[in-house]
Amino acid sequence: MDGTIFFAVGLALIAVGIIIVVLATILLAMHGASKGKVEAAGIIMIGPIPIIFGTNKESLKTVLILALILTIVLVIATVIYYWLLR
């Protein structure tokens, strides 16, 4: 496989991620300004280890589920990648 395909897909994923973050921030600011209350949660993935933070329990549960899914996908992708290069 050609490395330029992986490079292009990686750049596209980074661009899509940045666009999603910017749009989510704008929508949250607009929605939170009307109610006067903002609730949020986030995740920082350092390798397969998630660091989760948030302001309320519902947000934390949602982010925890997403972190588990991301960790499982990462492990599966690593195993598949290992099998393909063996």
Protein backbone atom coordinates (compact mmCIF):
# COMPACT_ATOMS: atom_id res chain seq x y z
CA MET A 1 0.00 0.00 0.00
CA ASP A 2 1.09 3.50 -0.72
CA GLY A 3 1.93 5.68 2.28
CA THR A 4 0.37 8.77 0.75
CA ILE A 5 -3.10 7.24 1.19
CA PHE A 6 -2.55 6.86 4.92
CA PHE A 7 -1.16 10.38 5.11
CA ALA A 8 -4.20 11.80 3.32
CA VAL A 9 -6.64 9.85 5.50
CA GLY A 10 -4.81 10.99 8.63
CA LEU A 11 -4.94 14.62 7.58
CA ALA A 12 -8.62 14.30 6.70
CA LEU A 13 -9.40 12.81 10.12
CA ILE A 14 -7.52 15.60 11.86
CA ALA A 15 -9.39 18.23 9.84
CA VAL A 16 -12.76 16.61 10.57
CA GLY A 17 -11.91 16.44 14.28
CA ILE A 18 -10.99 20.12 14.39
CA ILE A 19 -14.20 21.08 12.57
CA ILE A 20 -16.30 19.00 15.00
CA VAL A 21 -14.62 20.59 18.02
CA VAL A 22 -15.14 24.12 16.68
CA LEU A 23 -18.80 23.47 15.79
CA ALA A 24 -19.49 21.82 19.16
CA THR A 25 -17.93 24.76 20.98
CA ILE A 26 -20.02 27.28 19.05
CA LEU A 27 -23.24 25.29 19.55
CA LEU A 28 -22.54 24.81 23.25
CA ALA A 29 -21.84 28.50 23.72
CA MET A 30 -25.09 29.44 21.94
CA HIS A 31 -27.17 26.87 23.81
CA GLY A 32 -25.58 27.57 27.20
CA ALA A 33 -26.03 31.33 26.83
CA SER A 34 -29.80 30.96 26.54
CA LYS A 35 -30.16 28.78 29.67
CA GLY A 36 -27.36 30.29 31.72
CA LYS A 37 -26.12 26.82 32.65
CA VAL A 38 -23.41 24.81 30.89
CA GLU A 39 -22.55 21.19 31.58
CA ALA A 40 -19.64 19.45 29.91
CA ALA A 41 -17.34 16.46 30.04
CA GLY A 42 -14.22 15.43 28.21
CA ILE A 43 -11.70 12.71 27.69
CA ILE A 44 -7.97 12.71 27.11
CA MET A 45 -6.63 9.51 25.57
CA ILE A 46 -2.98 8.83 26.37
CA GLY A 47 -2.39 5.68 24.40
CA PRO A 48 -4.97 3.17 25.60
CA ILE A 49 -5.46 4.96 28.95
CA PRO A 50 -8.41 7.36 29.18
CA ILE A 51 -8.47 10.35 31.52
CA ILE A 52 -12.07 11.45 32.03
CA PHE A 53 -13.35 14.71 33.51
CA GLY A 54 -16.71 16.46 33.67
CA THR A 55 -19.18 18.60 35.56
CA ASN A 56 -22.07 16.18 36.19
CA LYS A 57 -22.77 12.44 36.40
CA GLU A 58 -24.77 12.11 33.16
CA SER A 59 -22.00 13.69 31.09
CA LEU A 60 -19.40 11.54 32.80
CA LYS A 61 -21.37 8.35 32.06
CA THR A 62 -21.62 9.25 28.39
CA VAL A 63 -17.93 10.06 28.13
CA LEU A 64 -17.04 6.89 30.04
CA ILE A 65 -18.95 4.78 27.52
CA LEU A 66 -17.23 6.59 24.64
CA ALA A 67 -13.84 6.06 26.32
CA LEU A 68 -14.50 2.34 26.66
CA ILE A 69 -15.52 2.12 23.01
CA LEU A 70 -12.40 4.03 21.94
CA THR A 71 -10.18 1.78 24.05
CA ILE A 72 -11.76 -1.38 22.62
CA VAL A 73 -11.43 -0.07 19.04
CA LEU A 74 -7.78 0.81 19.71
CA VAL A 75 -6.99 -2.65 21.04
CA ILE A 76 -8.79 -4.35 18.12
CA ALA A 77 -7.01 -2.13 15.58
CA THR A 78 -3.65 -2.90 17.19
CA VAL A 79 -4.27 -6.65 17.10
CA ILE A 80 -5.45 -6.56 13.47
CA TYR A 81 -2.45 -4.43 12.49
CA TYR A 82 -0.12 -6.89 14.23
CA TRP A 83 -1.70 -9.88 12.45
CA LEU A 84 -1.46 -8.21 9.05
CA LEU A 85 2.25 -7.42 9.42
CA ARG A 86 3.27 -10.77 10.83
